[in-house]
Amino acid sequence: MLVAQINEFERYHSALTLESLRREMEYQMGRETDIEQEVSFISKVMNTRKQAE
């Protein structure tokens, strides 16, 4: 009985760990996308300024 409870706990803990890793990865990927968009926008602004000069 105790072994079954330990196994169940280990499965539950593994699932939580995987879920938290998945969420962290999604968050980091989202931040990278945001940063890429900001860099792209800044580049466009800089190019527009150069063309205006």
N, C-alpha and C. Protein backbone atom coordinates (compact mmCIF):
# COMPACT_ATOMS: atom_id res chain seq x y z
N MET A 1 0.83 -1.21 0.00
CA MET A 1 0.00 0.00 0.00
C MET A 1 0.87 1.26 0.00
N LEU A 2 1.87 1.30 0.87
CA LEU A 2 2.75 2.47 0.94
C LEU A 2 3.51 2.64 -0.38
N VAL A 3 3.96 1.54 -0.95
CA VAL A 3 4.69 1.61 -2.23
C VAL A 3 3.81 2.21 -3.31
N ALA A 4 2.55 1.82 -3.34
CA ALA A 4 1.62 2.36 -4.33
C ALA A 4 1.44 3.87 -4.12
N GLN A 5 1.35 4.30 -2.89
CA GLN A 5 1.20 5.73 -2.60
C GLN A 5 2.45 6.51 -3.02
N ILE A 6 3.61 5.93 -2.76
CA ILE A 6 4.87 6.58 -3.15
C ILE A 6 4.94 6.70 -4.67
N ASN A 7 4.60 5.63 -5.37
CA ASN A 7 4.62 5.66 -6.83
C ASN A 7 3.66 6.71 -7.37
N GLU A 8 2.49 6.79 -6.79
CA GLU A 8 1.49 7.79 -7.22
C GLU A 8 2.03 9.20 -6.98
N PHE A 9 2.63 9.41 -5.83
CA PHE A 9 3.20 10.72 -5.52
C PHE A 9 4.30 11.08 -6.52
N GLU A 10 5.15 10.11 -6.84
CA GLU A 10 6.24 10.36 -7.79
C GLU A 10 5.69 10.73 -9.17
N ARG A 11 4.64 10.03 -9.61
CA ARG A 11 4.01 10.36 -10.90
C ARG A 11 3.43 11.77 -10.88
N TYR A 12 2.75 12.11 -9.79
CA TYR A 12 2.14 13.43 -9.64
C TYR A 12 3.22 14.51 -9.64
N HIS A 13 4.29 14.30 -8.89
CA HIS A 13 5.38 15.27 -8.80
C HIS A 13 6.06 15.44 -10.16
N SER A 14 6.27 14.34 -10.88
CA SER A 14 6.88 14.43 -12.21
C SER A 14 6.00 15.22 -13.15
N ALA A 15 4.70 15.01 -13.09
CA ALA A 15 3.76 15.73 -13.95
C ALA A 15 3.81 17.22 -13.63
N LEU A 16 3.86 17.58 -12.36
CA LEU A 16 3.94 18.99 -11.98
C LEU A 16 5.24 19.61 -12.47
N THR A 17 6.34 18.87 -12.33
CA THR A 17 7.65 19.38 -12.77
C THR A 17 7.64 19.60 -14.27
N LEU A 18 7.12 18.64 -15.03
CA LEU A 18 7.07 18.79 -16.48
C LEU A 18 6.18 19.96 -16.88
N GLU A 19 5.06 20.12 -16.21
CA GLU A 19 4.15 21.22 -16.52
C GLU A 19 4.81 22.56 -16.24
N SER A 20 5.50 22.66 -15.12
CA SER A 20 6.15 23.94 -14.80
C SER A 20 7.28 24.22 -15.79
N LEU A 21 8.01 23.20 -16.21
CA LEU A 21 9.06 23.39 -17.22
C LEU A 21 8.45 23.84 -18.55
N ARG A 22 7.32 23.24 -18.92
CA ARG A 22 6.66 23.60 -20.18
C ARG A 22 6.21 25.07 -20.13
N ARG A 23 5.63 25.45 -19.00
CA ARG A 23 5.18 26.84 -18.86
C ARG A 23 6.35 27.82 -18.91
N GLU A 24 7.43 27.47 -18.24
CA GLU A 24 8.62 28.34 -18.25
C GLU A 24 9.17 28.47 -19.67
N MET A 25 9.20 27.36 -20.41
CA MET A 25 9.70 27.40 -21.78
C MET A 25 8.80 28.29 -22.65
N GLU A 26 7.49 28.14 -22.51
CA GLU A 26 6.56 28.98 -23.27
C GLU A 26 6.76 30.46 -22.92
N TYR A 27 6.96 30.75 -21.65
CA TYR A 27 7.18 32.13 -21.21
C TYR A 27 8.46 32.69 -21.84
N GLN A 28 9.55 31.90 -21.79
CA GLN A 28 10.82 32.36 -22.36
C GLN A 28 10.71 32.57 -23.86
N MET A 29 10.02 31.65 -24.55
CA MET A 29 9.84 31.79 -26.00
C MET A 29 9.03 33.04 -26.31
N GLY A 30 8.03 33.32 -25.50
CA GLY A 30 7.23 34.52 -25.68
C GLY A 30 8.06 35.78 -25.49
N ARG A 31 8.95 35.75 -24.50
CA ARG A 31 9.82 36.91 -24.27
C ARG A 31 10.77 37.10 -25.44
N GLU A 32 11.31 36.01 -25.98
CA GLU A 32 12.21 36.12 -27.13
C GLU A 32 11.47 36.75 -28.31
N THR A 33 10.24 36.33 -28.52
CA THR A 33 9.44 36.89 -29.62
C THR A 33 9.23 38.38 -29.39
N ASP A 34 8.91 38.78 -28.16
CA ASP A 34 8.71 40.19 -27.85
C ASP A 34 9.99 40.99 -28.13
N ILE A 35 11.13 40.45 -27.71
CA ILE A 35 12.41 41.14 -27.90
C ILE A 35 12.71 41.26 -29.39
N GLU A 36 12.49 40.19 -30.15
CA GLU A 36 12.73 40.24 -31.60
C GLU A 36 11.86 41.31 -32.25
N GLN A 37 10.61 41.41 -31.83
CA GLN A 37 9.71 42.43 -32.40
C GLN A 37 10.18 43.84 -32.05
N GLU A 38 10.67 44.02 -30.81
CA GLU A 38 11.18 45.34 -30.41
C GLU A 38 12.41 45.71 -31.22
N VAL A 39 13.32 44.77 -31.40
CA VAL A 39 14.54 45.03 -32.17
C VAL A 39 14.17 45.37 -33.61
N SER A 40 13.24 44.63 -34.17
CA SER A 40 12.79 44.88 -35.54
C SER A 40 12.20 46.28 -35.65
N PHE A 41 11.38 46.66 -34.69
CA PHE A 41 10.76 47.99 -34.70
C PHE A 41 11.83 49.08 -34.60
N ILE A 42 12.78 48.91 -33.69
CA ILE A 42 13.85 49.91 -33.52
C ILE A 42 14.67 50.02 -34.81
N SER A 43 14.96 48.90 -35.44
CA SER A 43 15.70 48.92 -36.70
C SER A 43 14.95 49.70 -37.76
N LYS A 44 13.65 49.49 -37.85
CA LYS A 44 12.83 50.22 -38.83
C LYS A 44 12.87 51.71 -38.55
N VAL A 45 12.76 52.10 -37.28
CA VAL A 45 12.79 53.51 -36.91
C VAL A 45 14.14 54.12 -37.30
N MET A 46 15.22 53.39 -37.00
CA MET A 46 16.56 53.90 -37.32
C MET A 46 16.73 54.05 -38.82
N ASN A 47 16.26 53.08 -39.59
CA ASN A 47 16.36 53.15 -41.05
C ASN A 47 15.55 54.33 -41.60
N THR A 48 14.37 54.54 -41.01
CA THR A 48 13.53 55.66 -41.44
C THR A 48 14.23 56.98 -41.16
N ARG A 49 14.88 57.07 -40.01
CA ARG A 49 15.60 58.32 -39.67
C ARG A 49 16.76 58.54 -40.63
N LYS A 50 17.49 57.47 -40.95
CA LYS A 50 18.62 57.61 -41.89
C LYS A 50 18.13 58.08 -43.25
N GLN A 51 17.02 57.54 -43.70
CA GLN A 51 16.47 57.92 -45.00
C GLN A 51 15.99 59.37 -44.98
N ALA A 52 15.51 59.83 -43.84
CA ALA A 52 14.99 61.19 -43.74
C ALA A 52 16.12 62.22 -43.77
N GLU A 53 17.31 61.80 -43.36
CA GLU A 53 18.45 62.75 -43.29
C GLU A 53 19.00 63.10 -44.61
